[in-house]
N, C-alpha and C. Protein backbone atom coordinates (compact mmCIF):
# COMPACT_ATOMS: atom_id res chain seq x y z
N MET A 1 31.30 -6.53 -41.57
CA MET A 1 29.82 -5.89 -41.79
C MET A 1 28.92 -7.10 -41.81
N LYS A 2 29.25 -8.08 -42.63
CA LYS A 2 28.26 -9.34 -42.69
C LYS A 2 28.05 -9.89 -41.51
N SER A 3 29.08 -10.09 -40.68
CA SER A 3 29.05 -10.70 -39.36
C SER A 3 28.17 -9.89 -38.33
N LEU A 4 28.28 -8.75 -38.34
CA LEU A 4 27.48 -7.85 -37.54
C LEU A 4 25.93 -7.95 -38.05
N ASN A 5 25.60 -8.04 -39.24
CA ASN A 5 24.20 -8.19 -39.77
C ASN A 5 23.71 -9.63 -39.41
N LEU A 6 24.47 -10.58 -39.55
CA LEU A 6 24.08 -11.90 -39.10
C LEU A 6 24.02 -11.94 -37.74
N LEU A 7 24.78 -11.34 -36.97
CA LEU A 7 24.42 -11.27 -35.49
C LEU A 7 23.12 -10.70 -35.07
N LEU A 8 22.83 -9.47 -35.73
CA LEU A 8 21.75 -8.70 -35.47
C LEU A 8 20.55 -9.66 -35.78
N ILE A 9 20.45 -10.14 -37.09
CA ILE A 9 19.40 -11.05 -37.49
C ILE A 9 19.30 -12.16 -36.62
N SER A 10 20.17 -12.98 -36.01
CA SER A 10 20.17 -13.99 -35.10
C SER A 10 19.55 -13.41 -33.73
N ALA A 11 19.99 -12.28 -33.29
CA ALA A 11 19.44 -11.72 -32.17
C ALA A 11 17.93 -11.53 -32.18
N LEU A 12 17.44 -10.96 -33.31
CA LEU A 12 16.05 -10.69 -33.52
C LEU A 12 15.37 -12.04 -33.74
N LEU A 13 15.85 -13.00 -34.35
CA LEU A 13 15.18 -14.35 -34.43
C LEU A 13 15.11 -14.96 -33.07
N THR A 14 16.00 -14.71 -32.14
CA THR A 14 16.01 -15.46 -30.82
C THR A 14 14.94 -14.80 -30.14
N LEU A 15 14.80 -13.33 -30.23
CA LEU A 15 13.84 -12.49 -29.40
C LEU A 15 12.44 -12.91 -29.91
N ALA A 16 12.43 -13.03 -31.29
CA ALA A 16 10.97 -13.43 -31.79
C ALA A 16 10.57 -15.02 -31.29
N ALA A 17 11.36 -15.68 -31.14
CA ALA A 17 11.31 -17.06 -30.79
C ALA A 17 10.85 -17.10 -29.43
N CYS A 18 11.34 -16.22 -28.53
CA CYS A 18 10.77 -16.07 -27.20
C CYS A 18 9.58 -15.47 -26.84
N SER A 19 9.10 -14.82 -27.81
CA SER A 19 7.84 -14.01 -27.70
C SER A 19 6.67 -14.89 -27.27
N THR A 20 5.86 -14.37 -26.46
CA THR A 20 4.59 -15.31 -25.89
C THR A 20 3.44 -14.95 -26.35
N GLY A 21 3.39 -14.01 -27.23
CA GLY A 21 2.10 -13.73 -28.04
C GLY A 21 1.43 -12.51 -27.59
N PRO A 22 0.24 -12.17 -27.87
CA PRO A 22 -0.44 -10.97 -27.50
C PRO A 22 -0.67 -10.79 -25.92
N VAL A 23 -0.53 -9.62 -25.49
CA VAL A 23 -0.84 -9.34 -24.17
C VAL A 23 -2.18 -9.21 -24.01
N THR A 24 -2.93 -9.71 -22.93
CA THR A 24 -4.38 -9.65 -22.47
C THR A 24 -4.52 -8.85 -21.25
N TYR A 25 -5.55 -8.13 -21.11
CA TYR A 25 -5.89 -7.47 -19.94
C TYR A 25 -6.70 -8.27 -19.18
N GLN A 26 -6.51 -8.24 -17.74
CA GLN A 26 -7.32 -9.01 -16.73
C GLN A 26 -7.90 -8.00 -15.76
N ASP A 27 -8.91 -8.40 -15.01
CA ASP A 27 -9.34 -7.78 -14.09
C ASP A 27 -8.40 -7.79 -12.71
N PRO A 28 -7.78 -6.80 -12.30
CA PRO A 28 -6.84 -6.82 -11.05
C PRO A 28 -7.33 -7.41 -9.70
N GLY A 29 -8.74 -7.47 -9.67
CA GLY A 29 -9.33 -7.92 -8.56
C GLY A 29 -9.45 -9.42 -8.76
N THR A 30 -9.56 -10.06 -9.79
CA THR A 30 -9.74 -11.47 -9.85
C THR A 30 -8.46 -12.19 -10.30
N ALA A 31 -7.33 -11.46 -10.73
CA ALA A 31 -6.04 -11.97 -11.30
C ALA A 31 -5.51 -12.84 -10.24
N GLN A 32 -4.82 -13.93 -10.90
CA GLN A 32 -4.17 -14.96 -10.02
C GLN A 32 -2.75 -14.66 -9.91
N SER A 33 -2.13 -14.87 -8.73
CA SER A 33 -0.73 -14.86 -8.63
C SER A 33 0.10 -15.82 -9.35
N LEU A 34 1.03 -15.37 -10.06
CA LEU A 34 2.05 -16.27 -10.77
C LEU A 34 3.34 -16.62 -10.31
N THR A 35 3.36 -16.13 -8.82
CA THR A 35 4.65 -16.22 -8.28
C THR A 35 4.42 -16.52 -6.68
N LEU A 36 5.46 -16.74 -6.12
CA LEU A 36 5.32 -16.83 -4.62
C LEU A 36 5.63 -15.60 -3.95
N ASP A 37 6.18 -14.51 -4.69
CA ASP A 37 6.32 -13.24 -4.06
C ASP A 37 5.05 -12.54 -3.84
N PHE A 38 5.13 -11.54 -2.99
CA PHE A 38 4.10 -10.76 -2.56
C PHE A 38 3.68 -9.85 -3.79
N ASP A 39 2.61 -9.93 -4.46
CA ASP A 39 2.30 -9.28 -5.69
C ASP A 39 0.94 -8.56 -5.58
N LEU A 40 0.45 -8.07 -6.69
CA LEU A 40 -0.79 -7.14 -6.79
C LEU A 40 -1.95 -7.78 -6.18
N PRO A 41 -2.23 -9.14 -6.66
CA PRO A 41 -3.54 -9.86 -5.96
C PRO A 41 -3.38 -9.94 -4.56
N ASP A 42 -2.08 -10.03 -4.11
CA ASP A 42 -1.95 -10.02 -2.56
C ASP A 42 -2.28 -8.78 -2.08
N VAL A 43 -1.75 -7.66 -2.57
CA VAL A 43 -1.98 -6.17 -1.99
C VAL A 43 -3.62 -6.17 -2.06
N ASN A 44 -4.08 -6.56 -3.00
CA ASN A 44 -5.66 -6.33 -3.19
C ASN A 44 -6.50 -6.93 -2.01
N ALA A 45 -5.96 -8.28 -1.85
CA ALA A 45 -6.62 -9.08 -0.90
C ALA A 45 -6.42 -8.55 0.46
N VAL A 46 -5.29 -8.24 0.91
CA VAL A 46 -5.00 -7.76 2.09
C VAL A 46 -5.78 -6.35 2.30
N ALA A 47 -5.70 -5.69 1.40
CA ALA A 47 -6.30 -4.20 1.75
C ALA A 47 -7.77 -4.38 1.75
N ASP A 48 -8.46 -5.04 0.89
CA ASP A 48 -9.91 -5.26 1.03
C ASP A 48 -10.17 -5.91 2.49
N THR A 49 -9.67 -7.13 2.83
CA THR A 49 -9.95 -7.85 4.00
C THR A 49 -9.73 -6.81 5.22
N MET A 50 -8.52 -6.04 5.29
CA MET A 50 -8.32 -5.38 6.50
C MET A 50 -9.29 -4.25 6.63
N VAL A 51 -9.42 -3.69 5.61
CA VAL A 51 -10.29 -2.42 5.42
C VAL A 51 -11.76 -2.91 6.09
N ASP A 52 -12.19 -3.90 5.38
CA ASP A 52 -13.58 -4.48 5.88
C ASP A 52 -13.63 -4.63 7.31
N SER A 53 -12.51 -5.33 7.75
CA SER A 53 -12.56 -5.68 9.23
C SER A 53 -12.54 -4.39 10.05
N MET A 54 -11.68 -3.50 9.68
CA MET A 54 -11.68 -2.37 10.64
C MET A 54 -13.00 -1.47 10.52
N LEU A 55 -13.62 -1.35 9.29
CA LEU A 55 -14.87 -0.69 9.29
C LEU A 55 -16.06 -1.18 9.90
N THR A 56 -16.08 -2.49 10.05
CA THR A 56 -17.25 -3.44 10.51
C THR A 56 -16.92 -3.71 12.16
N SER A 57 -15.76 -3.37 12.69
CA SER A 57 -15.50 -3.61 13.89
C SER A 57 -16.32 -2.83 14.99
N PRO A 58 -16.84 -3.21 15.96
CA PRO A 58 -17.58 -2.48 16.91
C PRO A 58 -17.04 -1.04 17.55
N SER A 59 -15.63 -1.23 17.55
CA SER A 59 -14.96 0.17 18.14
C SER A 59 -15.15 1.14 17.01
N THR A 60 -14.79 0.79 15.80
CA THR A 60 -14.81 1.76 14.56
C THR A 60 -16.26 2.31 14.34
N VAL A 61 -17.15 1.27 14.37
CA VAL A 61 -18.64 1.84 14.33
C VAL A 61 -18.92 2.72 15.27
N ASP A 62 -18.54 2.64 16.64
CA ASP A 62 -18.77 3.43 17.62
C ASP A 62 -17.97 4.84 17.37
N ILE A 63 -16.81 4.75 17.05
CA ILE A 63 -15.95 5.90 16.89
C ILE A 63 -16.63 6.98 15.61
N THR A 64 -17.10 6.37 14.68
CA THR A 64 -17.61 6.94 13.39
C THR A 64 -19.12 7.24 13.36
N LYS A 65 -19.84 6.87 14.40
CA LYS A 65 -21.29 6.94 14.48
C LYS A 65 -21.75 8.42 14.37
N SER A 66 -21.11 9.35 14.98
CA SER A 66 -21.50 10.75 14.95
C SER A 66 -20.55 11.78 14.41
N GLU A 67 -19.35 11.28 14.12
CA GLU A 67 -18.42 12.22 13.46
C GLU A 67 -17.56 11.34 12.47
N ARG A 68 -16.70 12.30 11.76
CA ARG A 68 -15.72 11.66 10.77
C ARG A 68 -14.30 12.07 11.47
N PRO A 69 -13.80 11.03 12.31
CA PRO A 69 -12.62 11.45 12.92
C PRO A 69 -11.40 11.64 11.89
N ILE A 70 -10.31 12.39 12.17
CA ILE A 70 -9.27 12.49 11.38
C ILE A 70 -8.33 11.40 11.64
N LEU A 71 -7.79 10.63 10.39
CA LEU A 71 -7.05 9.61 10.50
C LEU A 71 -5.80 9.81 9.76
N VAL A 72 -4.54 9.36 10.19
CA VAL A 72 -3.38 9.15 9.41
C VAL A 72 -3.02 7.72 9.24
N VAL A 73 -2.63 7.26 8.08
CA VAL A 73 -2.07 6.15 7.84
C VAL A 73 -0.69 6.02 7.62
N ASP A 74 0.11 5.43 8.66
CA ASP A 74 1.45 5.40 8.46
C ASP A 74 1.99 4.50 7.46
N ARG A 75 3.08 4.46 7.01
CA ARG A 75 3.66 3.61 6.02
C ARG A 75 3.82 2.11 6.74
N ILE A 76 3.29 1.25 6.00
CA ILE A 76 3.28 -0.09 6.45
C ILE A 76 4.90 -0.62 6.27
N GLN A 77 5.26 -1.28 7.24
CA GLN A 77 6.66 -1.72 7.64
C GLN A 77 6.86 -3.03 6.89
N ASN A 78 7.99 -3.19 6.10
CA ASN A 78 8.27 -4.56 5.48
C ASN A 78 9.28 -5.18 6.38
N ARG A 79 8.77 -6.34 6.97
CA ARG A 79 9.76 -7.25 7.84
C ARG A 79 9.94 -8.52 7.12
N THR A 80 9.96 -8.48 5.84
CA THR A 80 10.21 -9.77 5.11
C THR A 80 11.78 -9.60 4.53
N ASP A 81 12.02 -10.68 3.75
CA ASP A 81 13.42 -10.67 3.36
C ASP A 81 13.29 -10.42 1.88
N GLN A 82 12.19 -9.84 1.40
CA GLN A 82 12.09 -9.50 -0.03
C GLN A 82 11.64 -8.11 -0.36
N HIS A 83 12.01 -7.53 -1.53
CA HIS A 83 11.43 -6.19 -1.75
C HIS A 83 9.95 -6.19 -1.98
N ILE A 84 9.18 -5.42 -0.99
CA ILE A 84 7.74 -5.21 -1.10
C ILE A 84 7.41 -3.64 -1.04
N ASP A 85 6.66 -3.25 -2.15
CA ASP A 85 6.34 -1.90 -2.15
C ASP A 85 5.41 -1.68 -1.18
N THR A 86 5.80 -1.25 -0.17
CA THR A 86 5.02 -0.94 1.13
C THR A 86 4.14 0.50 0.87
N VAL A 87 4.66 1.32 0.09
CA VAL A 87 3.83 2.56 -0.25
C VAL A 87 2.75 2.22 -1.06
N SER A 88 2.87 1.17 -1.80
CA SER A 88 1.66 0.83 -2.61
C SER A 88 0.61 0.01 -1.72
N VAL A 89 1.00 -0.79 -0.94
CA VAL A 89 0.11 -1.31 0.16
C VAL A 89 -0.52 -0.26 1.10
N THR A 90 0.35 0.53 1.54
CA THR A 90 -0.25 1.81 2.37
C THR A 90 -1.31 2.59 1.65
N ASP A 91 -0.95 2.97 0.33
CA ASP A 91 -1.91 3.66 -0.40
C ASP A 91 -3.20 3.15 -0.77
N SER A 92 -2.90 1.69 -0.99
CA SER A 92 -4.18 0.84 -1.26
C SER A 92 -5.24 0.95 0.03
N ILE A 93 -4.62 0.62 1.16
CA ILE A 93 -5.40 0.64 2.32
C ILE A 93 -6.06 2.08 2.64
N ARG A 94 -5.21 3.06 2.43
CA ARG A 94 -5.76 4.51 2.68
C ARG A 94 -6.75 4.85 1.72
N THR A 95 -6.76 4.40 0.46
CA THR A 95 -7.66 4.84 -0.60
C THR A 95 -8.97 4.13 -0.34
N ARG A 96 -9.08 2.80 0.08
CA ARG A 96 -10.18 2.15 0.60
C ARG A 96 -10.87 2.72 1.68
N LEU A 97 -10.06 3.19 2.71
CA LEU A 97 -10.56 3.83 3.76
C LEU A 97 -11.24 5.32 3.53
N ILE A 98 -10.56 5.95 2.68
CA ILE A 98 -11.18 7.32 2.05
C ILE A 98 -12.53 7.02 1.46
N ARG A 99 -12.57 6.02 0.56
CA ARG A 99 -13.84 5.64 -0.26
C ARG A 99 -14.82 5.39 0.71
N SER A 100 -14.61 4.78 1.96
CA SER A 100 -15.66 4.55 2.96
C SER A 100 -16.48 5.81 3.29
N GLY A 101 -15.74 6.94 3.44
CA GLY A 101 -16.42 8.21 3.87
C GLY A 101 -16.51 8.24 5.33
N LYS A 102 -15.77 7.48 6.12
CA LYS A 102 -16.03 7.44 7.53
C LYS A 102 -15.14 8.20 8.35
N PHE A 103 -14.05 8.54 7.61
CA PHE A 103 -12.99 9.35 8.25
C PHE A 103 -12.51 10.54 7.41
N ARG A 104 -11.92 11.44 7.87
CA ARG A 104 -11.10 12.62 7.23
C ARG A 104 -9.69 12.32 7.48
N PHE A 105 -8.85 12.77 6.59
CA PHE A 105 -7.43 12.26 6.50
C PHE A 105 -6.41 13.33 6.42
N VAL A 106 -5.38 13.08 7.12
CA VAL A 106 -4.09 13.86 6.77
C VAL A 106 -3.07 12.98 6.30
N ASP A 107 -2.11 13.55 5.46
CA ASP A 107 -1.19 12.62 4.88
C ASP A 107 0.21 12.93 5.22
N ALA A 108 0.81 11.99 5.98
CA ALA A 108 2.11 12.18 6.71
C ALA A 108 3.22 12.22 5.60
N SER A 109 2.95 11.52 4.53
CA SER A 109 4.01 11.46 3.52
C SER A 109 4.21 12.70 2.70
N THR A 110 3.35 13.60 2.75
CA THR A 110 3.51 14.86 2.06
C THR A 110 3.73 16.18 2.98
N ARG A 111 3.96 15.93 4.27
CA ARG A 111 4.18 16.93 5.26
C ARG A 111 5.26 17.80 4.97
N ASP A 112 6.55 17.40 4.37
CA ASP A 112 7.51 18.47 4.04
C ASP A 112 7.11 19.25 2.80
N ALA A 113 6.36 18.61 1.77
CA ALA A 113 5.99 19.39 0.73
C ALA A 113 4.84 20.37 1.03
N GLN A 114 3.81 20.06 2.22
CA GLN A 114 3.10 21.00 2.60
C GLN A 114 3.67 22.08 3.26
N ARG A 115 4.63 21.93 4.16
CA ARG A 115 5.34 22.89 4.95
C ARG A 115 5.95 23.93 3.90
N ALA A 116 6.69 23.31 2.97
CA ALA A 116 7.29 24.23 1.89
C ALA A 116 6.40 25.06 1.28
N GLU A 117 5.22 24.59 0.85
CA GLU A 117 4.19 25.53 0.24
C GLU A 117 3.76 26.56 1.07
N LEU A 118 3.37 26.15 2.32
CA LEU A 118 3.02 27.28 3.48
C LEU A 118 3.96 28.20 3.49
N LEU A 119 5.46 27.80 3.64
CA LEU A 119 6.36 28.93 3.76
C LEU A 119 6.54 29.73 2.47
N TYR A 120 6.35 28.97 1.30
CA TYR A 120 6.30 29.76 0.19
C TYR A 120 5.10 30.98 0.31
N GLN A 121 3.88 30.57 0.53
CA GLN A 121 2.74 31.40 0.61
C GLN A 121 3.16 32.54 1.48
N GLU A 122 3.61 32.33 2.77
CA GLU A 122 3.84 33.17 3.80
C GLU A 122 5.00 34.17 3.65
N THR A 123 6.07 33.46 3.17
CA THR A 123 7.28 34.31 3.04
C THR A 123 7.92 34.54 1.54
N GLY A 124 7.21 34.00 0.59
CA GLY A 124 7.87 33.97 -0.70
C GLY A 124 7.62 35.43 -1.40
N GLY A 125 6.71 36.11 -0.95
CA GLY A 125 6.54 37.38 -1.52
C GLY A 125 5.65 37.53 -2.84
N MET A 126 5.28 36.31 -3.34
CA MET A 126 4.45 36.09 -4.54
C MET A 126 3.06 35.91 -4.31
N THR A 127 2.69 35.62 -3.13
CA THR A 127 1.17 35.31 -2.81
C THR A 127 0.50 36.47 -2.23
N ASN A 128 -0.58 36.85 -2.71
CA ASN A 128 -1.47 37.84 -2.17
C ASN A 128 -1.64 37.61 -0.53
N PRO A 129 -1.12 38.37 0.46
CA PRO A 129 -1.06 38.17 1.84
C PRO A 129 -2.45 37.88 2.33
N ASP A 130 -3.61 38.51 1.76
CA ASP A 130 -4.96 38.10 2.13
C ASP A 130 -5.30 36.76 1.72
N ALA A 131 -4.80 36.10 0.74
CA ALA A 131 -5.13 34.85 0.30
C ALA A 131 -4.10 33.70 0.72
N ALA A 132 -3.04 34.05 1.15
CA ALA A 132 -2.12 33.02 1.73
C ALA A 132 -2.66 32.28 2.94
N ILE A 133 -2.43 31.10 3.02
CA ILE A 133 -2.73 30.21 3.91
C ILE A 133 -1.59 30.36 5.09
N LYS A 134 -2.10 30.76 6.34
CA LYS A 134 -1.18 30.90 7.33
C LYS A 134 -0.72 29.58 8.19
N MET A 135 0.48 29.67 8.71
CA MET A 135 1.13 28.37 9.41
C MET A 135 0.15 28.27 10.59
N GLY A 136 0.28 26.77 11.04
CA GLY A 136 -0.40 26.71 12.28
C GLY A 136 -2.10 26.51 12.23
N GLN A 137 -2.45 26.10 11.13
CA GLN A 137 -4.06 26.01 11.04
C GLN A 137 -4.53 24.55 10.63
N GLN A 138 -3.56 23.78 10.43
CA GLN A 138 -3.96 22.39 10.12
C GLN A 138 -4.50 21.62 11.41
N LEU A 139 -5.17 20.69 11.04
CA LEU A 139 -5.79 19.78 12.09
C LEU A 139 -4.92 18.69 12.36
N GLY A 140 -4.86 18.17 13.55
CA GLY A 140 -3.94 16.91 13.79
C GLY A 140 -4.78 15.66 13.48
N ALA A 141 -4.18 14.66 13.28
CA ALA A 141 -4.84 13.30 13.45
C ALA A 141 -5.25 12.87 14.65
N GLU A 142 -6.51 12.25 14.91
CA GLU A 142 -7.05 11.71 16.02
C GLU A 142 -6.52 10.25 16.31
N TYR A 143 -6.47 9.67 15.13
CA TYR A 143 -6.34 8.16 15.08
C TYR A 143 -5.27 7.84 14.12
N MET A 144 -4.27 6.76 14.32
CA MET A 144 -3.16 6.40 13.30
C MET A 144 -3.41 4.95 12.99
N VAL A 145 -3.33 4.53 11.84
CA VAL A 145 -3.27 3.09 11.41
C VAL A 145 -1.74 2.96 11.21
N THR A 146 -1.23 1.87 11.93
CA THR A 146 0.03 1.36 11.64
C THR A 146 -0.04 -0.06 11.37
N GLY A 147 1.26 -0.57 10.79
CA GLY A 147 1.14 -2.13 10.34
C GLY A 147 2.54 -2.49 9.88
N ALA A 148 2.51 -3.87 9.65
CA ALA A 148 3.76 -4.49 9.27
C ALA A 148 3.42 -5.77 8.52
N ILE A 149 4.19 -6.16 7.46
CA ILE A 149 4.12 -7.38 6.63
C ILE A 149 5.25 -8.22 7.05
N VAL A 150 5.03 -9.51 7.70
CA VAL A 150 6.22 -10.30 7.78
C VAL A 150 5.97 -11.72 6.98
N SER A 151 7.12 -12.37 6.64
CA SER A 151 6.99 -13.49 5.83
C SER A 151 7.64 -14.74 6.41
N TYR A 152 7.15 -15.95 6.12
CA TYR A 152 7.96 -17.15 6.50
C TYR A 152 8.01 -18.25 5.35
N SER A 153 9.22 -18.66 5.00
CA SER A 153 9.44 -19.46 3.93
C SER A 153 9.81 -20.94 4.26
N THR A 154 9.18 -21.81 3.78
CA THR A 154 9.56 -23.34 4.16
C THR A 154 9.74 -23.91 2.80
N SER A 155 10.47 -25.10 2.64
CA SER A 155 10.59 -25.78 1.58
C SER A 155 10.86 -27.31 1.75
N SER A 156 10.50 -28.22 0.87
CA SER A 156 10.81 -29.66 1.09
C SER A 156 11.37 -29.97 -0.40
N SER A 157 11.71 -31.26 -0.45
CA SER A 157 12.05 -31.50 -1.72
C SER A 157 11.16 -31.47 -2.99
N LYS A 158 9.91 -31.52 -2.55
CA LYS A 158 8.75 -31.34 -3.51
C LYS A 158 8.08 -30.21 -3.56
N ARG A 159 7.92 -29.38 -2.50
CA ARG A 159 7.36 -28.11 -2.50
C ARG A 159 7.94 -26.97 -1.77
N ARG A 160 7.62 -25.80 -2.13
CA ARG A 160 7.99 -24.58 -1.65
C ARG A 160 6.91 -23.82 -1.18
N ARG A 161 6.78 -23.32 -0.02
CA ARG A 161 5.73 -22.52 0.60
C ARG A 161 6.18 -20.99 0.92
N GLU A 162 5.46 -20.09 0.63
CA GLU A 162 5.73 -18.65 1.27
C GLU A 162 4.46 -18.32 1.86
N ALA A 163 4.70 -17.90 3.15
CA ALA A 163 3.55 -17.43 4.03
C ALA A 163 3.68 -15.85 4.41
N TYR A 164 2.90 -14.97 4.39
CA TYR A 164 2.80 -13.62 4.60
C TYR A 164 1.75 -13.38 5.36
N LYS A 165 2.08 -12.32 6.39
CA LYS A 165 0.91 -11.91 7.39
C LYS A 165 1.03 -10.52 7.47
N LEU A 166 -0.05 -9.69 7.16
CA LEU A 166 -0.10 -8.35 7.46
C LEU A 166 -0.92 -8.03 8.66
N THR A 167 -0.32 -7.26 9.55
CA THR A 167 -1.01 -6.94 10.90
C THR A 167 -1.35 -5.44 10.73
N LEU A 168 -2.44 -5.00 11.18
CA LEU A 168 -2.58 -3.62 11.20
C LEU A 168 -3.37 -3.37 12.68
N ASN A 169 -2.99 -2.02 13.03
CA ASN A 169 -3.59 -1.43 14.36
C ASN A 169 -4.13 0.04 14.05
N MET A 170 -5.28 0.31 14.77
CA MET A 170 -5.68 1.69 14.73
C MET A 170 -5.49 2.18 16.23
N ILE A 171 -4.78 3.20 16.39
CA ILE A 171 -4.38 3.65 17.75
C ILE A 171 -4.95 5.13 17.83
N ASN A 172 -5.68 5.31 19.06
CA ASN A 172 -6.19 6.63 19.43
C ASN A 172 -5.01 7.31 20.02
N LEU A 173 -4.68 8.59 19.03
CA LEU A 173 -3.48 9.20 19.70
C LEU A 173 -3.55 9.99 20.76
N LYS A 174 -4.75 10.20 21.16
CA LYS A 174 -5.03 11.13 22.55
C LYS A 174 -4.62 10.08 23.85
N THR A 175 -5.19 8.82 23.71
CA THR A 175 -4.99 8.09 24.82
C THR A 175 -3.96 6.96 24.64
N GLY A 176 -3.43 6.56 23.49
CA GLY A 176 -2.51 5.67 23.10
C GLY A 176 -3.00 4.12 23.15
N ILE A 177 -4.58 4.11 23.29
CA ILE A 177 -5.22 2.74 23.26
C ILE A 177 -5.32 2.35 21.78
N ILE A 178 -5.13 0.97 21.47
CA ILE A 178 -5.25 0.21 20.16
C ILE A 178 -6.76 0.23 20.29
N GLU A 179 -7.39 0.77 19.33
CA GLU A 179 -8.97 0.63 19.29
C GLU A 179 -9.21 -0.53 18.51
N TRP A 180 -8.42 -0.94 17.50
CA TRP A 180 -8.89 -2.16 16.53
C TRP A 180 -7.33 -2.46 16.19
N ALA A 181 -7.44 -3.97 15.79
CA ALA A 181 -6.28 -4.52 15.51
C ALA A 181 -6.80 -5.85 14.71
N ASP A 182 -6.10 -6.27 13.53
CA ASP A 182 -6.39 -7.47 12.92
C ASP A 182 -5.23 -8.08 12.18
N GLU A 183 -5.19 -9.18 11.53
CA GLU A 183 -4.35 -9.73 10.72
C GLU A 183 -4.76 -10.57 9.58
N LYS A 184 -4.11 -10.59 8.41
CA LYS A 184 -4.46 -11.26 7.27
C LYS A 184 -3.40 -11.99 6.87
N PRO A 185 -3.60 -13.30 7.01
CA PRO A 185 -2.44 -14.30 6.53
C PRO A 185 -2.67 -14.61 5.01
N ILE A 186 -1.74 -14.87 4.26
CA ILE A 186 -1.61 -15.40 2.90
C ILE A 186 -0.66 -16.64 2.91
N LEU A 187 -1.24 -17.68 2.24
CA LEU A 187 -0.32 -18.86 2.16
C LEU A 187 -0.19 -19.11 0.58
N LYS A 188 1.05 -19.14 -0.07
CA LYS A 188 1.15 -19.52 -1.37
C LYS A 188 2.21 -20.76 -1.29
N GLU A 189 1.96 -21.76 -2.39
CA GLU A 189 2.59 -22.87 -2.50
C GLU A 189 2.79 -23.24 -3.79
N GLU A 190 3.93 -23.77 -4.09
CA GLU A 190 4.32 -24.23 -5.66
C GLU A 190 4.86 -25.77 -5.44
N THR A 191 4.72 -26.45 -6.38
CA THR A 191 5.28 -27.75 -6.49
C THR A 191 6.53 -27.82 -7.45
N LYS A 192 7.65 -28.13 -6.91
CA LYS A 192 8.83 -28.09 -7.50
C LYS A 192 8.87 -29.24 -8.60
N LYS A 193 9.39 -28.88 -9.70
CA LYS A 193 9.55 -29.80 -10.92
C LYS A 193 10.66 -30.58 -10.91
């Protein structure tokens, strides 16, 4: 029993020695990366840059000058060799586009849940038939935003570099024409000790 208590006390003292002190909050928009991995400051940087580029492009200005077209944002593809939460990147881009007020949106990621709810209302027997939403009334997207993240790694004896590039396209679904495209590179470097 004494050896178990000594082991627990030793483990607690080790954990206490490894403690880094109080946690502080930072503004996510100005936080600096602490790693070469693709992280939250990178998500914010690419989303801000790409959405600004899209909204100010002549084609988008022309498309949105007299109406709010319906847009769907497809999940960004991860073409890197590391785990990147592309759902988060996609959500950040879509959220910034929604805030612009220039488009209306449909959500491809919830289509199965929407279908299930509509089937429930139509055939579940628990919804007032006069209040149930009928199938086949949703509007389709007119434009789709697609994209991918790629990465390139290089290193020497003294430095390690990770480069990322996010490419986005806005496609007219009726014609198949790419109305807008841009890319945002990010270069991160660290010195080896």
